[in-house]
Amino acid sequence: MYSIKHLFHINASKEKVFEAISTINGLSNWWTTKTSGDPAIGGTLIFHFGEHEGPHMKVIEMVPNEKLLWECTSPDGWKGHTFTFALDENDGKTRVRFSQDGWTEQGDFYASCSFSWARYMESLRQLCQTSKGEGFGTEGYRK
């Protein structure tokens, strides 16, 4: 199995970063504006990208200000993959460790998703540091 992994720092508190990754409002401002669902443990988040329905993520684990774990329940391309956000404090900043686990091969779809996740992680950083992310559907989103 293969994983997409990103490690980076955000000049904001763990509380602010956790709010951005664990609430509908937060997710809507750095990933995609069309985010809905239930962000509580056991709930499902649904992400749309324009007219295309994106992933459905079941919230598996949540440790406030430390860890968030999702499992994708659809579509098939990501179904069964797990997505982890782990947060800790490092040099006065929040260190974020992100991973998408469950890939069976490192083909073109893997490469495309890795690139996109890097872009969205930067959007998360911008949201937390400047209050303005560049998620899909936002004014700052670049196609």
N, C-alpha and C. Protein backbone atom coordinates (compact mmCIF):
# COMPACT_ATOMS: atom_id res chain seq x y z
N MET A 1 0.84 -1.19 0.00
CA MET A 1 0.00 0.00 0.00
C MET A 1 0.88 1.25 0.00
N TYR A 2 0.36 2.27 -0.62
CA TYR A 2 1.07 3.54 -0.71
C TYR A 2 0.27 4.64 -0.01
N SER A 3 0.97 5.72 0.32
CA SER A 3 0.35 6.85 1.02
C SER A 3 0.80 8.16 0.38
N ILE A 4 -0.07 9.14 0.44
CA ILE A 4 0.29 10.53 0.15
C ILE A 4 0.52 11.17 1.51
N LYS A 5 1.65 11.81 1.69
CA LYS A 5 1.96 12.44 2.97
C LYS A 5 2.44 13.87 2.75
N HIS A 6 2.02 14.75 3.65
CA HIS A 6 2.50 16.13 3.66
C HIS A 6 2.75 16.55 5.10
N LEU A 7 3.85 17.24 5.32
CA LEU A 7 4.20 17.79 6.63
C LEU A 7 4.53 19.26 6.41
N PHE A 8 3.88 20.14 7.18
CA PHE A 8 4.11 21.57 7.04
C PHE A 8 3.71 22.27 8.32
N HIS A 9 4.06 23.54 8.42
CA HIS A 9 3.77 24.33 9.60
C HIS A 9 2.82 25.48 9.27
N ILE A 10 1.97 25.81 10.22
CA ILE A 10 1.03 26.92 10.09
C ILE A 10 1.27 27.86 11.27
N ASN A 11 1.42 29.12 10.98
CA ASN A 11 1.63 30.12 12.02
C ASN A 11 0.28 30.52 12.61
N ALA A 12 -0.32 29.58 13.32
CA ALA A 12 -1.61 29.76 13.98
C ALA A 12 -1.72 28.69 15.07
N SER A 13 -2.64 28.88 15.98
CA SER A 13 -2.81 27.93 17.08
C SER A 13 -3.39 26.60 16.59
N LYS A 14 -3.13 25.55 17.36
CA LYS A 14 -3.72 24.25 17.05
C LYS A 14 -5.24 24.34 17.04
N GLU A 15 -5.81 25.16 17.94
CA GLU A 15 -7.26 25.32 18.02
C GLU A 15 -7.82 25.88 16.71
N LYS A 16 -7.15 26.87 16.17
CA LYS A 16 -7.61 27.49 14.92
C LYS A 16 -7.50 26.50 13.76
N VAL A 17 -6.40 25.78 13.69
CA VAL A 17 -6.21 24.80 12.63
C VAL A 17 -7.23 23.68 12.76
N PHE A 18 -7.45 23.20 13.98
CA PHE A 18 -8.41 22.12 14.17
C PHE A 18 -9.81 22.56 13.76
N GLU A 19 -10.18 23.78 14.08
CA GLU A 19 -11.49 24.29 13.66
C GLU A 19 -11.61 24.29 12.14
N ALA A 20 -10.53 24.63 11.44
CA ALA A 20 -10.54 24.67 9.99
C ALA A 20 -10.69 23.30 9.35
N ILE A 21 -10.20 22.24 10.02
CA ILE A 21 -10.29 20.89 9.44
C ILE A 21 -11.48 20.09 9.95
N SER A 22 -12.15 20.59 10.99
CA SER A 22 -13.19 19.75 11.63
C SER A 22 -14.59 20.36 11.61
N THR A 23 -14.77 21.50 10.94
CA THR A 23 -16.10 22.11 10.88
C THR A 23 -16.50 22.34 9.42
N ILE A 24 -17.78 22.38 9.17
CA ILE A 24 -18.28 22.64 7.81
C ILE A 24 -17.77 23.99 7.33
N ASN A 25 -17.87 25.01 8.17
CA ASN A 25 -17.40 26.34 7.78
C ASN A 25 -15.91 26.34 7.46
N GLY A 26 -15.13 25.71 8.30
CA GLY A 26 -13.69 25.67 8.06
C GLY A 26 -13.36 24.95 6.75
N LEU A 27 -13.89 23.75 6.56
CA LEU A 27 -13.63 22.97 5.36
C LEU A 27 -14.07 23.70 4.10
N SER A 28 -15.19 24.43 4.21
CA SER A 28 -15.73 25.18 3.07
C SER A 28 -14.81 26.31 2.62
N ASN A 29 -13.93 26.72 3.49
CA ASN A 29 -13.07 27.86 3.17
C ASN A 29 -11.67 27.48 2.70
N TRP A 30 -11.29 26.19 2.78
CA TRP A 30 -9.97 25.83 2.24
C TRP A 30 -10.00 24.65 1.28
N TRP A 31 -11.06 23.82 1.32
CA TRP A 31 -11.11 22.69 0.40
C TRP A 31 -12.12 22.93 -0.71
N THR A 32 -13.40 22.95 -0.39
CA THR A 32 -14.43 23.26 -1.38
C THR A 32 -15.61 23.95 -0.71
N THR A 33 -16.15 24.96 -1.37
CA THR A 33 -17.25 25.73 -0.79
C THR A 33 -18.51 24.88 -0.65
N LYS A 34 -18.61 23.81 -1.41
CA LYS A 34 -19.80 22.94 -1.34
C LYS A 34 -19.52 21.76 -0.43
N THR A 35 -19.46 22.05 0.86
CA THR A 35 -19.23 21.04 1.89
C THR A 35 -20.47 20.96 2.76
N SER A 36 -20.92 19.73 3.03
CA SER A 36 -22.10 19.54 3.87
C SER A 36 -21.92 18.27 4.68
N GLY A 37 -22.91 18.02 5.56
CA GLY A 37 -22.87 16.78 6.33
C GLY A 37 -22.73 17.01 7.81
N ASP A 38 -22.34 15.95 8.48
CA ASP A 38 -22.22 15.94 9.94
C ASP A 38 -20.76 15.73 10.32
N PRO A 39 -20.10 16.76 10.90
CA PRO A 39 -18.67 16.63 11.21
C PRO A 39 -18.37 15.93 12.54
N ALA A 40 -19.38 15.40 13.22
CA ALA A 40 -19.16 14.70 14.50
C ALA A 40 -18.68 13.27 14.25
N ILE A 41 -18.09 12.66 15.27
CA ILE A 41 -17.66 11.27 15.16
C ILE A 41 -18.85 10.41 14.74
N GLY A 42 -18.65 9.58 13.71
CA GLY A 42 -19.70 8.73 13.17
C GLY A 42 -20.49 9.41 12.06
N GLY A 43 -20.35 10.72 11.93
CA GLY A 43 -21.05 11.47 10.89
C GLY A 43 -20.33 11.35 9.55
N THR A 44 -21.00 11.81 8.50
CA THR A 44 -20.42 11.78 7.16
C THR A 44 -20.39 13.18 6.58
N LEU A 45 -19.24 13.54 6.05
CA LEU A 45 -19.06 14.81 5.35
C LEU A 45 -19.14 14.53 3.85
N ILE A 46 -19.80 15.44 3.12
CA ILE A 46 -19.94 15.28 1.67
C ILE A 46 -19.36 16.51 1.00
N PHE A 47 -18.48 16.27 0.05
CA PHE A 47 -17.78 17.34 -0.65
C PHE A 47 -18.16 17.33 -2.13
N HIS A 48 -18.57 18.48 -2.66
CA HIS A 48 -18.87 18.64 -4.08
C HIS A 48 -17.85 19.59 -4.69
N PHE A 49 -17.46 19.31 -5.91
CA PHE A 49 -16.55 20.16 -6.66
C PHE A 49 -17.28 20.58 -7.93
N GLY A 50 -17.90 21.76 -7.86
CA GLY A 50 -18.77 22.20 -8.95
C GLY A 50 -19.98 21.29 -9.00
N GLU A 51 -20.27 20.79 -10.17
CA GLU A 51 -21.41 19.88 -10.35
C GLU A 51 -21.07 18.43 -10.02
N HIS A 52 -19.80 18.18 -9.71
CA HIS A 52 -19.35 16.82 -9.47
C HIS A 52 -19.37 16.49 -7.97
N GLU A 53 -20.04 15.41 -7.65
CA GLU A 53 -20.03 14.97 -6.26
C GLU A 53 -18.69 14.34 -5.98
N GLY A 54 -18.06 14.81 -4.92
CA GLY A 54 -16.76 14.31 -4.54
C GLY A 54 -16.87 13.26 -3.45
N PRO A 55 -15.85 13.18 -2.63
CA PRO A 55 -15.81 12.13 -1.63
C PRO A 55 -16.82 12.32 -0.50
N HIS A 56 -17.24 11.19 0.03
CA HIS A 56 -18.03 11.13 1.27
C HIS A 56 -17.06 10.59 2.32
N MET A 57 -16.88 11.36 3.38
CA MET A 57 -15.92 10.99 4.41
C MET A 57 -16.63 10.74 5.74
N LYS A 58 -16.48 9.53 6.25
CA LYS A 58 -17.00 9.20 7.57
C LYS A 58 -15.96 9.61 8.62
N VAL A 59 -16.41 10.33 9.63
CA VAL A 59 -15.51 10.77 10.70
C VAL A 59 -15.31 9.58 11.65
N ILE A 60 -14.10 9.05 11.68
CA ILE A 60 -13.78 7.85 12.46
C ILE A 60 -13.24 8.20 13.84
N GLU A 61 -12.37 9.21 13.89
CA GLU A 61 -11.73 9.57 15.16
C GLU A 61 -11.52 11.07 15.19
N MET A 62 -11.70 11.64 16.38
CA MET A 62 -11.48 13.07 16.57
C MET A 62 -10.95 13.29 17.97
N VAL A 63 -9.74 13.81 18.06
CA VAL A 63 -9.15 14.22 19.33
C VAL A 63 -8.97 15.73 19.20
N PRO A 64 -9.82 16.52 19.86
CA PRO A 64 -9.76 17.97 19.67
C PRO A 64 -8.35 18.53 19.74
N ASN A 65 -8.03 19.33 18.71
CA ASN A 65 -6.76 20.04 18.59
C ASN A 65 -5.55 19.14 18.40
N GLU A 66 -5.78 17.84 18.15
CA GLU A 66 -4.66 16.92 17.97
C GLU A 66 -4.78 16.02 16.75
N LYS A 67 -5.97 15.44 16.51
CA LYS A 67 -6.07 14.43 15.45
C LYS A 67 -7.48 14.36 14.89
N LEU A 68 -7.55 14.15 13.58
CA LEU A 68 -8.81 13.92 12.89
C LEU A 68 -8.57 12.80 11.89
N LEU A 69 -9.46 11.81 11.88
CA LEU A 69 -9.33 10.67 10.97
C LEU A 69 -10.66 10.45 10.26
N TRP A 70 -10.60 10.42 8.92
CA TRP A 70 -11.76 10.14 8.08
C TRP A 70 -11.52 8.84 7.33
N GLU A 71 -12.62 8.18 6.96
CA GLU A 71 -12.56 7.06 6.01
C GLU A 71 -13.50 7.39 4.86
N CYS A 72 -13.01 7.25 3.64
CA CYS A 72 -13.83 7.54 2.47
C CYS A 72 -14.78 6.37 2.22
N THR A 73 -16.08 6.68 2.10
CA THR A 73 -17.08 5.64 1.84
C THR A 73 -17.52 5.62 0.39
N SER A 74 -17.21 6.67 -0.38
CA SER A 74 -17.42 6.73 -1.82
C SER A 74 -16.73 7.98 -2.34
N PRO A 75 -16.35 8.07 -3.57
CA PRO A 75 -16.54 7.13 -4.68
C PRO A 75 -15.47 6.04 -4.67
N ASP A 76 -15.56 5.17 -5.67
CA ASP A 76 -14.67 4.01 -5.72
C ASP A 76 -13.18 4.36 -5.76
N GLY A 77 -12.78 5.43 -6.40
CA GLY A 77 -11.36 5.78 -6.51
C GLY A 77 -10.68 5.95 -5.16
N TRP A 78 -11.42 6.43 -4.16
CA TRP A 78 -10.87 6.62 -2.82
C TRP A 78 -11.54 5.75 -1.77
N LYS A 79 -12.54 5.00 -2.14
CA LYS A 79 -13.30 4.21 -1.17
C LYS A 79 -12.36 3.31 -0.37
N GLY A 80 -12.49 3.41 0.97
CA GLY A 80 -11.65 2.63 1.87
C GLY A 80 -10.37 3.34 2.28
N HIS A 81 -10.03 4.42 1.59
CA HIS A 81 -8.83 5.18 1.99
C HIS A 81 -9.11 5.90 3.30
N THR A 82 -8.06 6.08 4.09
CA THR A 82 -8.16 6.86 5.33
C THR A 82 -7.35 8.14 5.17
N PHE A 83 -7.84 9.18 5.83
CA PHE A 83 -7.26 10.52 5.75
C PHE A 83 -7.01 10.98 7.18
N THR A 84 -5.77 11.28 7.48
CA THR A 84 -5.40 11.67 8.84
C THR A 84 -4.79 13.06 8.85
N PHE A 85 -5.26 13.87 9.79
CA PHE A 85 -4.66 15.15 10.10
C PHE A 85 -4.16 15.05 11.54
N ALA A 86 -2.86 15.13 11.75
CA ALA A 86 -2.29 15.09 13.10
C ALA A 86 -1.63 16.45 13.36
N LEU A 87 -1.96 17.04 14.50
CA LEU A 87 -1.46 18.37 14.84
C LEU A 87 -0.63 18.33 16.11
N ASP A 88 0.46 19.09 16.11
CA ASP A 88 1.21 19.31 17.34
C ASP A 88 1.88 20.67 17.24
N GLU A 89 2.39 21.14 18.36
CA GLU A 89 3.05 22.45 18.42
C GLU A 89 4.53 22.25 18.20
N ASN A 90 5.14 23.10 17.34
CA ASN A 90 6.56 23.00 17.06
C ASN A 90 7.09 24.41 16.77
N ASP A 91 8.02 24.87 17.59
CA ASP A 91 8.62 26.20 17.42
C ASP A 91 7.57 27.31 17.35
N GLY A 92 6.55 27.22 18.18
CA GLY A 92 5.53 28.26 18.24
C GLY A 92 4.52 28.23 17.11
N LYS A 93 4.58 27.19 16.29
CA LYS A 93 3.63 27.04 15.18
C LYS A 93 2.93 25.70 15.30
N THR A 94 1.88 25.52 14.52
CA THR A 94 1.21 24.23 14.48
C THR A 94 1.81 23.41 13.35
N ARG A 95 2.34 22.25 13.71
CA ARG A 95 2.86 21.32 12.70
C ARG A 95 1.71 20.41 12.30
N VAL A 96 1.50 20.28 11.00
CA VAL A 96 0.44 19.44 10.45
C VAL A 96 1.08 18.28 9.72
N ARG A 97 0.64 17.09 10.08
CA ARG A 97 1.02 15.88 9.35
C ARG A 97 -0.27 15.34 8.73
N PHE A 98 -0.31 15.36 7.41
CA PHE A 98 -1.48 14.88 6.67
C PHE A 98 -1.10 13.61 5.93
N SER A 99 -2.00 12.65 5.89
CA SER A 99 -1.76 11.46 5.06
C SER A 99 -3.08 10.94 4.50
N GLN A 100 -2.98 10.44 3.29
CA GLN A 100 -4.06 9.69 2.65
C GLN A 100 -3.51 8.30 2.41
N ASP A 101 -4.04 7.33 3.12
CA ASP A 101 -3.53 5.96 3.08
C ASP A 101 -4.52 5.04 2.37
N GLY A 102 -3.98 4.06 1.64
CA GLY A 102 -4.82 3.05 1.01
C GLY A 102 -4.60 2.89 -0.48
N TRP A 103 -3.64 3.59 -1.03
CA TRP A 103 -3.36 3.49 -2.47
C TRP A 103 -2.74 2.13 -2.79
N THR A 104 -3.20 1.50 -3.87
CA THR A 104 -2.62 0.22 -4.29
C THR A 104 -1.54 0.40 -5.36
N GLU A 105 -1.52 1.58 -5.99
CA GLU A 105 -0.49 1.86 -6.99
C GLU A 105 -0.20 3.36 -7.04
N GLN A 106 0.96 3.69 -7.58
CA GLN A 106 1.36 5.09 -7.69
C GLN A 106 1.29 5.53 -9.15
N GLY A 107 0.07 5.48 -9.71
CA GLY A 107 -0.14 5.87 -11.10
C GLY A 107 -0.48 7.34 -11.23
N ASP A 108 -1.06 7.69 -12.38
CA ASP A 108 -1.40 9.08 -12.67
C ASP A 108 -2.42 9.66 -11.69
N PHE A 109 -3.43 8.88 -11.29
CA PHE A 109 -4.43 9.40 -10.35
C PHE A 109 -3.78 9.71 -9.01
N TYR A 110 -2.90 8.84 -8.55
CA TYR A 110 -2.14 9.08 -7.32
C TYR A 110 -1.36 10.39 -7.43
N ALA A 111 -0.64 10.57 -8.52
CA ALA A 111 0.18 11.76 -8.72
C ALA A 111 -0.68 13.02 -8.75
N SER A 112 -1.80 12.95 -9.45
CA SER A 112 -2.72 14.09 -9.52
C SER A 112 -3.27 14.45 -8.14
N CYS A 113 -3.65 13.45 -7.37
CA CYS A 113 -4.19 13.69 -6.03
C CYS A 113 -3.11 14.25 -5.10
N SER A 114 -1.88 13.75 -5.21
CA SER A 114 -0.80 14.26 -4.39
C SER A 114 -0.57 15.75 -4.66
N PHE A 115 -0.56 16.12 -5.93
CA PHE A 115 -0.40 17.53 -6.30
C PHE A 115 -1.56 18.36 -5.75
N SER A 116 -2.78 17.88 -5.92
CA SER A 116 -3.95 18.62 -5.44
C SER A 116 -3.95 18.77 -3.93
N TRP A 117 -3.59 17.71 -3.22
CA TRP A 117 -3.54 17.82 -1.76
C TRP A 117 -2.52 18.86 -1.32
N ALA A 118 -1.37 18.92 -1.99
CA ALA A 118 -0.37 19.94 -1.63
C ALA A 118 -0.96 21.33 -1.80
N ARG A 119 -1.67 21.51 -2.87
CA ARG A 119 -2.31 22.80 -3.12
C ARG A 119 -3.34 23.13 -2.05
N TYR A 120 -4.17 22.14 -1.69
CA TYR A 120 -5.19 22.39 -0.67
C TYR A 120 -4.58 22.55 0.73
N MET A 121 -3.47 21.90 0.99
CA MET A 121 -2.81 22.12 2.28
C MET A 121 -2.29 23.56 2.37
N GLU A 122 -1.80 24.11 1.26
CA GLU A 122 -1.40 25.51 1.25
C GLU A 122 -2.62 26.42 1.45
N SER A 123 -3.76 26.03 0.90
CA SER A 123 -5.00 26.79 1.11
C SER A 123 -5.39 26.77 2.59
N LEU A 124 -5.23 25.61 3.23
CA LEU A 124 -5.49 25.51 4.68
C LEU A 124 -4.56 26.45 5.44
N ARG A 125 -3.28 26.46 5.09
CA ARG A 125 -2.34 27.35 5.76
C ARG A 125 -2.76 28.81 5.58
N GLN A 126 -3.12 29.18 4.35
CA GLN A 126 -3.52 30.57 4.09
C GLN A 126 -4.77 30.94 4.88
N LEU A 127 -5.72 30.03 4.94
CA LEU A 127 -6.94 30.31 5.71
C LEU A 127 -6.60 30.58 7.17
N CYS A 128 -5.77 29.74 7.76
CA CYS A 128 -5.45 29.87 9.18
C CYS A 128 -4.57 31.09 9.47
N GLN A 129 -3.73 31.48 8.53
CA GLN A 129 -2.82 32.59 8.76
C GLN A 129 -3.39 33.94 8.32
N THR A 130 -4.27 33.95 7.32
CA THR A 130 -4.76 35.23 6.78
C THR A 130 -6.28 35.35 6.78
N SER A 131 -6.97 34.28 7.19
CA SER A 131 -8.44 34.21 7.18
C SER A 131 -9.01 34.12 5.76
N LYS A 132 -8.17 33.78 4.77
CA LYS A 132 -8.66 33.65 3.40
C LYS A 132 -7.97 32.47 2.72
N GLY A 133 -8.72 31.36 2.58
CA GLY A 133 -8.19 30.21 1.87
C GLY A 133 -8.49 30.31 0.39
N GLU A 134 -7.95 29.38 -0.38
CA GLU A 134 -8.17 29.34 -1.82
C GLU A 134 -8.70 27.97 -2.23
N GLY A 135 -9.77 27.53 -1.55
CA GLY A 135 -10.38 26.26 -1.86
C GLY A 135 -11.20 26.33 -3.13
N PHE A 136 -11.64 25.18 -3.60
CA PHE A 136 -12.45 25.09 -4.82
C PHE A 136 -13.72 25.91 -4.64
N GLY A 137 -13.98 26.80 -5.57
CA GLY A 137 -15.18 27.62 -5.53
C GLY A 137 -15.02 28.96 -4.84
N THR A 138 -13.85 29.20 -4.19
CA THR A 138 -13.62 30.50 -3.55
C THR A 138 -13.13 31.50 -4.59
N GLU A 139 -13.20 32.75 -4.23
CA GLU A 139 -12.76 33.82 -5.13
C GLU A 139 -11.30 33.66 -5.54
N GLY A 140 -10.46 33.21 -4.63
CA GLY A 140 -9.03 33.09 -4.92
C GLY A 140 -8.62 31.80 -5.61
N TYR A 141 -9.58 30.88 -5.85
CA TYR A 141 -9.25 29.58 -6.45
C TYR A 141 -8.72 29.77 -7.86
N ARG A 142 -7.58 29.12 -8.13
CA ARG A 142 -6.99 29.16 -9.47
C ARG A 142 -7.20 27.84 -10.15
N LYS A 143 -7.78 27.87 -11.33
CA LYS A 143 -8.03 26.63 -12.08
C LYS A 143 -6.79 26.14 -12.77
